[in-house]
PDB file of all heavy atoms in Angstrom:
ATOM      1  N   THR A   1     -11.435 -11.155   8.299  1.00  0.00           N
ATOM      2  CA  THR A   1     -10.424 -11.143   7.257  1.00  0.00           C
ATOM      3  C   THR A   1     -10.973 -11.576   5.892  1.00  0.00           C
ATOM      4  O   THR A   1     -10.392 -11.215   4.868  1.00  0.00           O
ATOM      5  CB  THR A   1      -9.239 -12.032   7.633  1.00  0.00           C
ATOM      6  OG1 THR A   1      -9.733 -13.366   7.890  1.00  0.00           O
ATOM      7  CG2 THR A   1      -8.563 -11.524   8.881  1.00  0.00           C
ATOM      8  N   ALA A   2     -12.051 -12.325   5.877  1.00  0.00           N
ATOM      9  CA  ALA A   2     -12.628 -12.745   4.620  1.00  0.00           C
ATOM     10  C   ALA A   2     -13.160 -11.601   3.801  1.00  0.00           C
ATOM     11  O   ALA A   2     -13.360 -11.737   2.601  1.00  0.00           O
ATOM     12  CB  ALA A   2     -13.721 -13.789   4.856  1.00  0.00           C
ATOM     13  N   SER A   3     -13.402 -10.466   4.451  1.00  0.00           N
ATOM     14  CA  SER A   3     -13.972  -9.303   3.766  1.00  0.00           C
ATOM     15  C   SER A   3     -12.893  -8.364   3.217  1.00  0.00           C
ATOM     16  O   SER A   3     -13.244  -7.378   2.583  1.00  0.00           O
ATOM     17  CB  SER A   3     -14.884  -8.527   4.725  1.00  0.00           C
ATOM     18  OG  SER A   3     -16.005  -9.312   5.110  1.00  0.00           O
ATOM     19  N   ILE A   4     -11.640  -8.680   3.437  1.00  0.00           N
ATOM     20  CA  ILE A   4     -10.574  -7.842   2.936  1.00  0.00           C
ATOM     21  C   ILE A   4     -10.478  -7.988   1.407  1.00  0.00           C
ATOM     22  O   ILE A   4     -10.391  -9.101   0.920  1.00  0.00           O
ATOM     23  CB  ILE A   4      -9.229  -8.200   3.592  1.00  0.00           C
ATOM     24  CG1 ILE A   4      -9.260  -7.943   5.094  1.00  0.00           C
ATOM     25  CG2 ILE A   4      -8.090  -7.409   2.924  1.00  0.00           C
ATOM     26  CD1 ILE A   4      -8.036  -8.411   5.832  1.00  0.00           C
ATOM     27  N   ASN A   5     -10.521  -6.875   0.726  1.00  0.00           N
ATOM     28  CA  ASN A   5     -10.439  -6.947  -0.744  1.00  0.00           C
ATOM     29  C   ASN A   5      -9.168  -6.321  -1.318  1.00  0.00           C
ATOM     30  O   ASN A   5      -8.954  -6.392  -2.533  1.00  0.00           O
ATOM     31  CB  ASN A   5     -11.675  -6.335  -1.384  1.00  0.00           C
ATOM     32  CG  ASN A   5     -11.852  -4.859  -1.075  1.00  0.00           C
ATOM     33  OD1 ASN A   5     -10.984  -4.206  -0.526  1.00  0.00           O
ATOM     34  ND2 ASN A   5     -13.043  -4.349  -1.419  1.00  0.00           N
ATOM     35  N   ALA A   6      -8.347  -5.744  -0.464  1.00  0.00           N
ATOM     36  CA  ALA A   6      -7.065  -5.203  -0.945  1.00  0.00           C
ATOM     37  C   ALA A   6      -6.232  -4.887   0.292  1.00  0.00           C
ATOM     38  O   ALA A   6      -6.736  -4.709   1.404  1.00  0.00           O
ATOM     39  CB  ALA A   6      -7.267  -3.956  -1.770  1.00  0.00           C
ATOM     40  N   MET A   7      -4.931  -4.818   0.080  1.00  0.00           N
ATOM     41  CA  MET A   7      -4.042  -4.435   1.177  1.00  0.00           C
ATOM     42  C   MET A   7      -2.947  -3.525   0.629  1.00  0.00           C
ATOM     43  O   MET A   7      -2.696  -3.483  -0.578  1.00  0.00           O
ATOM     44  CB  MET A   7      -3.425  -5.647   1.858  1.00  0.00           C
ATOM     45  CG  MET A   7      -2.407  -6.394   1.024  1.00  0.00           C
ATOM     46  SD  MET A   7      -1.360  -7.527   2.002  1.00  0.00           S
ATOM     47  CE  MET A   7      -0.466  -6.348   2.996  1.00  0.00           C
ATOM     48  N   GLY A   8      -2.315  -2.843   1.520  1.00  0.00           N
ATOM     49  CA  GLY A   8      -1.222  -1.969   1.120  1.00  0.00           C
ATOM     50  C   GLY A   8      -0.308  -1.674   2.276  1.00  0.00           C
ATOM     51  O   GLY A   8      -0.615  -1.944   3.448  1.00  0.00           O
ATOM     52  N   TRP A   9       0.825  -1.125   1.913  1.00  0.00           N
ATOM     53  CA  TRP A   9       1.800  -0.649   2.896  1.00  0.00           C
ATOM     54  C   TRP A   9       2.029   0.829   2.642  1.00  0.00           C
ATOM     55  O   TRP A   9       2.201   1.251   1.503  1.00  0.00           O
ATOM     56  CB  TRP A   9       3.125  -1.402   2.798  1.00  0.00           C
ATOM     57  CG  TRP A   9       3.058  -2.805   3.316  1.00  0.00           C
ATOM     58  CD1 TRP A   9       2.823  -3.945   2.615  1.00  0.00           C
ATOM     59  CD2 TRP A   9       3.287  -3.222   4.691  1.00  0.00           C
ATOM     60  NE1 TRP A   9       2.851  -5.047   3.445  1.00  0.00           N
ATOM     61  CE2 TRP A   9       3.135  -4.620   4.718  1.00  0.00           C
ATOM     62  CE3 TRP A   9       3.592  -2.542   5.848  1.00  0.00           C
ATOM     63  CZ2 TRP A   9       3.293  -5.346   5.906  1.00  0.00           C
ATOM     64  CZ3 TRP A   9       3.745  -3.263   7.030  1.00  0.00           C
ATOM     65  CH2 TRP A   9       3.582  -4.652   7.026  1.00  0.00           C
ATOM     66  N   TYR A  10       2.053   1.584   3.713  1.00  0.00           N
ATOM     67  CA  TYR A  10       2.355   3.000   3.682  1.00  0.00           C
ATOM     68  C   TYR A  10       3.512   3.269   4.624  1.00  0.00           C
ATOM     69  O   TYR A  10       3.819   2.442   5.494  1.00  0.00           O
ATOM     70  CB  TYR A  10       1.144   3.812   4.098  1.00  0.00           C
ATOM     71  CG  TYR A  10      -0.011   3.804   3.126  1.00  0.00           C
ATOM     72  CD1 TYR A  10      -0.780   2.639   2.951  1.00  0.00           C
ATOM     73  CD2 TYR A  10      -0.346   4.928   2.359  1.00  0.00           C
ATOM     74  CE1 TYR A  10      -1.847   2.610   2.056  1.00  0.00           C
ATOM     75  CE2 TYR A  10      -1.395   4.905   1.470  1.00  0.00           C
ATOM     76  CZ  TYR A  10      -2.142   3.756   1.336  1.00  0.00           C
ATOM     77  OH  TYR A  10      -3.186   3.715   0.443  1.00  0.00           O
ATOM     78  N   ARG A  11       4.117   4.411   4.471  1.00  0.00           N
ATOM     79  CA  ARG A  11       5.178   4.785   5.395  1.00  0.00           C
ATOM     80  C   ARG A  11       5.101   6.282   5.663  1.00  0.00           C
ATOM     81  O   ARG A  11       4.609   7.050   4.832  1.00  0.00           O
ATOM     82  CB  ARG A  11       6.558   4.416   4.851  1.00  0.00           C
ATOM     83  CG  ARG A  11       6.995   5.186   3.617  1.00  0.00           C
ATOM     84  CD  ARG A  11       8.292   4.634   3.087  1.00  0.00           C
ATOM     85  NE  ARG A  11       8.759   5.360   1.908  1.00  0.00           N
ATOM     86  CZ  ARG A  11       9.758   5.006   1.134  1.00  0.00           C
ATOM     87  NH1 ARG A  11      10.435   3.905   1.418  1.00  0.00           N
ATOM     88  NH2 ARG A  11      10.100   5.739   0.091  1.00  0.00           N
ATOM     89  N   GLN A  12       5.586   6.667   6.824  1.00  0.00           N
ATOM     90  CA  GLN A  12       5.608   8.056   7.200  1.00  0.00           C
ATOM     91  C   GLN A  12       6.952   8.360   7.828  1.00  0.00           C
ATOM     92  O   GLN A  12       7.285   7.839   8.889  1.00  0.00           O
ATOM     93  CB  GLN A  12       4.479   8.418   8.172  1.00  0.00           C
ATOM     94  CG  GLN A  12       4.371   9.875   8.452  1.00  0.00           C
ATOM     95  CD  GLN A  12       3.076  10.236   9.149  1.00  0.00           C
ATOM     96  OE1 GLN A  12       2.425   9.386   9.737  1.00  0.00           O
ATOM     97  NE2 GLN A  12       2.671  11.481   9.061  1.00  0.00           N
ATOM     98  N   ALA A  13       7.731   9.168   7.131  1.00  0.00           N
ATOM     99  CA  ALA A  13       9.027   9.592   7.628  1.00  0.00           C
ATOM    100  C   ALA A  13       8.846  10.830   8.513  1.00  0.00           C
ATOM    101  O   ALA A  13       7.846  11.557   8.403  1.00  0.00           O
ATOM    102  CB  ALA A  13       9.953   9.902   6.458  1.00  0.00           C
ATOM    103  N   PRO A  14       9.809  11.088   9.386  1.00  0.00           N
ATOM    104  CA  PRO A  14       9.710  12.280  10.222  1.00  0.00           C
ATOM    105  C   PRO A  14       9.515  13.553   9.442  1.00  0.00           C
ATOM    106  O   PRO A  14      10.247  13.808   8.465  1.00  0.00           O
ATOM    107  CB  PRO A  14      11.040  12.280  10.982  1.00  0.00           C
ATOM    108  CG  PRO A  14      11.501  10.851  10.981  1.00  0.00           C
ATOM    109  CD  PRO A  14      11.026  10.313   9.673  1.00  0.00           C
ATOM    110  N   GLY A  15       8.508  14.313   9.806  1.00  0.00           N
ATOM    111  CA  GLY A  15       8.240  15.575   9.130  1.00  0.00           C
ATOM    112  C   GLY A  15       7.566  15.432   7.768  1.00  0.00           C
ATOM    113  O   GLY A  15       7.395  16.461   7.078  1.00  0.00           O
ATOM    114  N   LYS A  16       7.203  14.221   7.383  1.00  0.00           N
ATOM    115  CA  LYS A  16       6.602  13.995   6.075  1.00  0.00           C
ATOM    116  C   LYS A  16       5.182  13.466   6.225  1.00  0.00           C
ATOM    117  O   LYS A  16       4.760  12.956   7.271  1.00  0.00           O
ATOM    118  CB  LYS A  16       7.438  13.003   5.280  1.00  0.00           C
ATOM    119  CG  LYS A  16       8.876  13.403   5.045  1.00  0.00           C
ATOM    120  CD  LYS A  16       8.961  14.573   4.090  1.00  0.00           C
ATOM    121  CE  LYS A  16      10.409  14.885   3.764  1.00  0.00           C
ATOM    122  NZ  LYS A  16      10.520  16.039   2.810  1.00  0.00           N
ATOM    123  N   GLN A  17       4.430  13.575   5.137  1.00  0.00           N
ATOM    124  CA  GLN A  17       3.107  12.976   5.059  1.00  0.00           C
ATOM    125  C   GLN A  17       3.216  11.481   4.892  1.00  0.00           C
ATOM    126  O   GLN A  17       4.206  10.957   4.376  1.00  0.00           O
ATOM    127  CB  GLN A  17       2.307  13.596   3.930  1.00  0.00           C
ATOM    128  CG  GLN A  17       2.067  15.084   4.027  1.00  0.00           C
ATOM    129  CD  GLN A  17       0.859  15.391   4.876  1.00  0.00           C
ATOM    130  OE1 GLN A  17       0.917  15.245   6.109  1.00  0.00           O
ATOM    131  NE2 GLN A  17      -0.199  15.831   4.270  1.00  0.00           N
ATOM    132  N   ARG A  18       2.198  10.775   5.306  1.00  0.00           N
ATOM    133  CA  ARG A  18       2.147   9.350   5.056  1.00  0.00           C
ATOM    134  C   ARG A  18       2.005   9.125   3.560  1.00  0.00           C
ATOM    135  O   ARG A  18       1.182   9.749   2.879  1.00  0.00           O
ATOM    136  CB  ARG A  18       0.967   8.714   5.795  1.00  0.00           C
ATOM    137  CG  ARG A  18       0.926   7.197   5.713  1.00  0.00           C
ATOM    138  CD  ARG A  18      -0.161   6.623   6.610  1.00  0.00           C
ATOM    139  NE  ARG A  18       0.066   6.959   8.017  1.00  0.00           N
ATOM    140  CZ  ARG A  18      -0.696   6.494   9.026  1.00  0.00           C
ATOM    141  NH1 ARG A  18      -1.698   5.668   8.779  1.00  0.00           N
ATOM    142  NH2 ARG A  18      -0.439   6.862  10.254  1.00  0.00           N
ATOM    143  N   GLU A  19       2.817   8.219   3.030  1.00  0.00           N
ATOM    144  CA  GLU A  19       2.837   7.994   1.606  1.00  0.00           C
ATOM    145  C   GLU A  19       2.647   6.520   1.274  1.00  0.00           C
ATOM    146  O   GLU A  19       3.046   5.637   2.041  1.00  0.00           O
ATOM    147  CB  GLU A  19       4.132   8.493   0.960  1.00  0.00           C
ATOM    148  CG  GLU A  19       5.374   7.737   1.404  1.00  0.00           C
ATOM    149  CD  GLU A  19       6.619   8.160   0.664  1.00  0.00           C
ATOM    150  OE1 GLU A  19       6.515   8.928  -0.329  1.00  0.00           O
ATOM    151  OE2 GLU A  19       7.724   7.740   1.059  1.00  0.00           O
ATOM    152  N   LEU A  20       2.067   6.287   0.141  1.00  0.00           N
ATOM    153  CA  LEU A  20       1.842   4.918  -0.346  1.00  0.00           C
ATOM    154  C   LEU A  20       3.155   4.293  -0.780  1.00  0.00           C
ATOM    155  O   LEU A  20       3.947   4.900  -1.500  1.00  0.00           O
ATOM    156  CB  LEU A  20       0.865   4.926  -1.501  1.00  0.00           C
ATOM    157  CG  LEU A  20       0.605   3.595  -2.211  1.00  0.00           C
ATOM    158  CD1 LEU A  20      -0.116   2.658  -1.269  1.00  0.00           C
ATOM    159  CD2 LEU A  20      -0.194   3.812  -3.483  1.00  0.00           C
ATOM    160  N   VAL A  21       3.375   3.073  -0.334  1.00  0.00           N
ATOM    161  CA  VAL A  21       4.547   2.307  -0.735  1.00  0.00           C
ATOM    162  C   VAL A  21       4.170   1.233  -1.757  1.00  0.00           C
ATOM    163  O   VAL A  21       4.802   1.098  -2.797  1.00  0.00           O
ATOM    164  CB  VAL A  21       5.235   1.666   0.461  1.00  0.00           C
ATOM    165  CG1 VAL A  21       6.394   0.754   0.033  1.00  0.00           C
ATOM    166  CG2 VAL A  21       5.744   2.749   1.422  1.00  0.00           C
ATOM    167  N   ALA A  22       3.181   0.420  -1.420  1.00  0.00           N
ATOM    168  CA  ALA A  22       2.791  -0.679  -2.286  1.00  0.00           C
ATOM    169  C   ALA A  22       1.371  -1.079  -1.987  1.00  0.00           C
ATOM    170  O   ALA A  22       0.887  -0.937  -0.861  1.00  0.00           O
ATOM    171  CB  ALA A  22       3.711  -1.875  -2.116  1.00  0.00           C
ATOM    172  N   THR A  23       0.678  -1.583  -3.010  1.00  0.00           N
ATOM    173  CA  THR A  23      -0.674  -2.123  -2.833  1.00  0.00           C
ATOM    174  C   THR A  23      -0.766  -3.453  -3.508  1.00  0.00           C
ATOM    175  O   THR A  23      -0.012  -3.752  -4.462  1.00  0.00           O
ATOM    176  CB  THR A  23      -1.760  -1.186  -3.414  1.00  0.00           C
ATOM    177  OG1 THR A  23      -1.532  -1.003  -4.817  1.00  0.00           O
ATOM    178  CG2 THR A  23      -1.732   0.177  -2.702  1.00  0.00           C
ATOM    179  N   LEU A  24      -1.714  -4.252  -3.046  1.00  0.00           N
ATOM    180  CA  LEU A  24      -1.943  -5.570  -3.625  1.00  0.00           C
ATOM    181  C   LEU A  24      -3.448  -5.824  -3.625  1.00  0.00           C
ATOM    182  O   LEU A  24      -4.078  -5.833  -2.564  1.00  0.00           O
ATOM    183  CB  LEU A  24      -1.223  -6.666  -2.843  1.00  0.00           C
ATOM    184  CG  LEU A  24      -1.335  -8.091  -3.368  1.00  0.00           C
ATOM    185  CD1 LEU A  24      -0.660  -8.208  -4.727  1.00  0.00           C
ATOM    186  CD2 LEU A  24      -0.702  -9.080  -2.380  1.00  0.00           C
ATOM    187  N   SER A  25      -4.036  -5.997  -4.790  1.00  0.00           N
ATOM    188  CA  SER A  25      -5.440  -6.271  -4.898  1.00  0.00           C
ATOM    189  C   SER A  25      -5.734  -7.730  -4.669  1.00  0.00           C
ATOM    190  O   SER A  25      -4.848  -8.581  -4.662  1.00  0.00           O
ATOM    191  CB  SER A  25      -5.971  -5.851  -6.267  1.00  0.00           C
ATOM    192  OG  SER A  25      -5.530  -6.748  -7.276  1.00  0.00           O
ATOM    193  N   ASN A  26      -7.025  -8.033  -4.435  1.00  0.00           N
ATOM    194  CA  ASN A  26      -7.413  -9.449  -4.283  1.00  0.00           C
ATOM    195  C   ASN A  26      -7.089 -10.251  -5.522  1.00  0.00           C
ATOM    196  O   ASN A  26      -6.858 -11.462  -5.433  1.00  0.00           O
ATOM    197  CB  ASN A  26      -8.901  -9.537  -3.982  1.00  0.00           C
ATOM    198  CG  ASN A  26      -9.202  -9.513  -2.503  1.00  0.00           C
ATOM    199  OD1 ASN A  26      -8.328  -9.287  -1.675  1.00  0.00           O
ATOM    200  ND2 ASN A  26     -10.474  -9.740  -2.141  1.00  0.00           N
ATOM    201  N   GLY A  27      -7.073  -9.585  -6.691  1.00  0.00           N
ATOM    202  CA  GLY A  27      -6.728 -10.265  -7.916  1.00  0.00           C
ATOM    203  C   GLY A  27      -5.228 -10.443  -8.119  1.00  0.00           C
ATOM    204  O   GLY A  27      -4.825 -10.999  -9.155  1.00  0.00           O
ATOM    205  N   GLY A  28      -4.430 -10.007  -7.168  1.00  0.00           N
ATOM    206  CA  GLY A  28      -3.011 -10.208  -7.259  1.00  0.00           C
ATOM    207  C   GLY A  28      -2.264  -9.126  -8.004  1.00  0.00           C
ATOM    208  O   GLY A  28      -1.079  -9.334  -8.328  1.00  0.00           O
ATOM    209  N   ILE A  29      -2.904  -8.005  -8.260  1.00  0.00           N
ATOM    210  CA  ILE A  29      -2.244  -6.911  -8.948  1.00  0.00           C
ATOM    211  C   ILE A  29      -1.475  -6.067  -7.960  1.00  0.00           C
ATOM    212  O   ILE A  29      -2.093  -5.495  -7.034  1.00  0.00           O
ATOM    213  CB  ILE A  29      -3.241  -6.065  -9.740  1.00  0.00           C
ATOM    214  CG1 ILE A  29      -3.955  -6.939 -10.772  1.00  0.00           C
ATOM    215  CG2 ILE A  29      -2.527  -4.910 -10.419  1.00  0.00           C
ATOM    216  CD1 ILE A  29      -5.091  -6.236 -11.495  1.00  0.00           C
ATOM    217  N   ALA A  30      -0.184  -5.968  -8.140  1.00  0.00           N
ATOM    218  CA  ALA A  30       0.658  -5.187  -7.232  1.00  0.00           C
ATOM    219  C   ALA A  30       1.061  -3.902  -7.886  1.00  0.00           C
ATOM    220  O   ALA A  30       1.328  -3.851  -9.102  1.00  0.00           O
ATOM    221  CB  ALA A  30       1.892  -5.990  -6.843  1.00  0.00           C
ATOM    222  N   ASN A  31       1.105  -2.854  -7.110  1.00  0.00           N
ATOM    223  CA  ASN A  31       1.569  -1.553  -7.574  1.00  0.00           C
ATOM    224  C   ASN A  31       2.535  -1.005  -6.520  1.00  0.00           C
ATOM    225  O   ASN A  31       2.342  -1.193  -5.331  1.00  0.00           O
ATOM    226  CB  ASN A  31       0.407  -0.570  -7.778  1.00  0.00           C
ATOM    227  CG  ASN A  31      -0.435  -0.928  -8.981  1.00  0.00           C
ATOM    228  OD1 ASN A  31      -0.030  -0.702 -10.125  1.00  0.00           O
ATOM    229  ND2 ASN A  31      -1.603  -1.496  -8.742  1.00  0.00           N
ATOM    230  N   TYR A  32       3.540  -0.292  -7.012  1.00  0.00           N
ATOM    231  CA  TYR A  32       4.581   0.228  -6.154  1.00  0.00           C
ATOM    232  C   TYR A  32       4.853   1.688  -6.456  1.00  0.00           C
ATOM    233  O   TYR A  32       4.710   2.155  -7.586  1.00  0.00           O
ATOM    234  CB  TYR A  32       5.884  -0.545  -6.328  1.00  0.00           C
ATOM    235  CG  TYR A  32       5.793  -2.025  -6.048  1.00  0.00           C
ATOM    236  CD1 TYR A  32       5.476  -2.920  -7.050  1.00  0.00           C
ATOM    237  CD2 TYR A  32       5.983  -2.511  -4.763  1.00  0.00           C
ATOM    238  CE1 TYR A  32       5.384  -4.277  -6.790  1.00  0.00           C
ATOM    239  CE2 TYR A  32       5.878  -3.862  -4.484  1.00  0.00           C
ATOM    240  CZ  TYR A  32       5.570  -4.745  -5.497  1.00  0.00           C
ATOM    241  OH  TYR A  32       5.475  -6.071  -5.241  1.00  0.00           O
ATOM    242  N   ALA A  33       5.259   2.389  -5.415  1.00  0.00           N
ATOM    243  CA  ALA A  33       5.762   3.719  -5.633  1.00  0.00           C
ATOM    244  C   ALA A  33       7.065   3.628  -6.432  1.00  0.00           C
ATOM    245  O   ALA A  33       7.815   2.657  -6.292  1.00  0.00           O
ATOM    246  CB  ALA A  33       6.040   4.405  -4.292  1.00  0.00           C
ATOM    247  N   ASP A  34       7.301   4.631  -7.268  1.00  0.00           N
ATOM    248  CA  ASP A  34       8.497   4.624  -8.112  1.00  0.00           C
ATOM    249  C   ASP A  34       9.787   4.478  -7.310  1.00  0.00           C
ATOM    250  O   ASP A  34      10.727   3.855  -7.727  1.00  0.00           O
ATOM    251  CB  ASP A  34       8.546   5.870  -8.975  1.00  0.00           C
ATOM    252  CG  ASP A  34       7.506   5.887 -10.074  1.00  0.00           C
ATOM    253  OD1 ASP A  34       6.986   4.813 -10.433  1.00  0.00           O
ATOM    254  OD2 ASP A  34       7.203   6.998 -10.583  1.00  0.00           O
ATOM    255  N   SER A  35       9.772   5.038  -6.108  1.00  0.00           N
ATOM    256  CA  SER A  35      10.964   5.051  -5.301  1.00  0.00           C
ATOM    257  C   SER A  35      11.366   3.673  -4.765  1.00  0.00           C
ATOM    258  O   SER A  35      12.492   3.498  -4.320  1.00  0.00           O
ATOM    259  CB  SER A  35      10.819   6.023  -4.132  1.00  0.00           C
ATOM    260  OG  SER A  35       9.716   5.641  -3.316  1.00  0.00           O
TER     261      SER A  35
END
């Protein structure tokens, strides 16, 4: 776990591609899908 430099959450709805929901960098920068 010490080697993790970023994390994120993705989701996949039925019949859909996996999509990005949110990311969080080691520096604490968060990004979110508009939805």
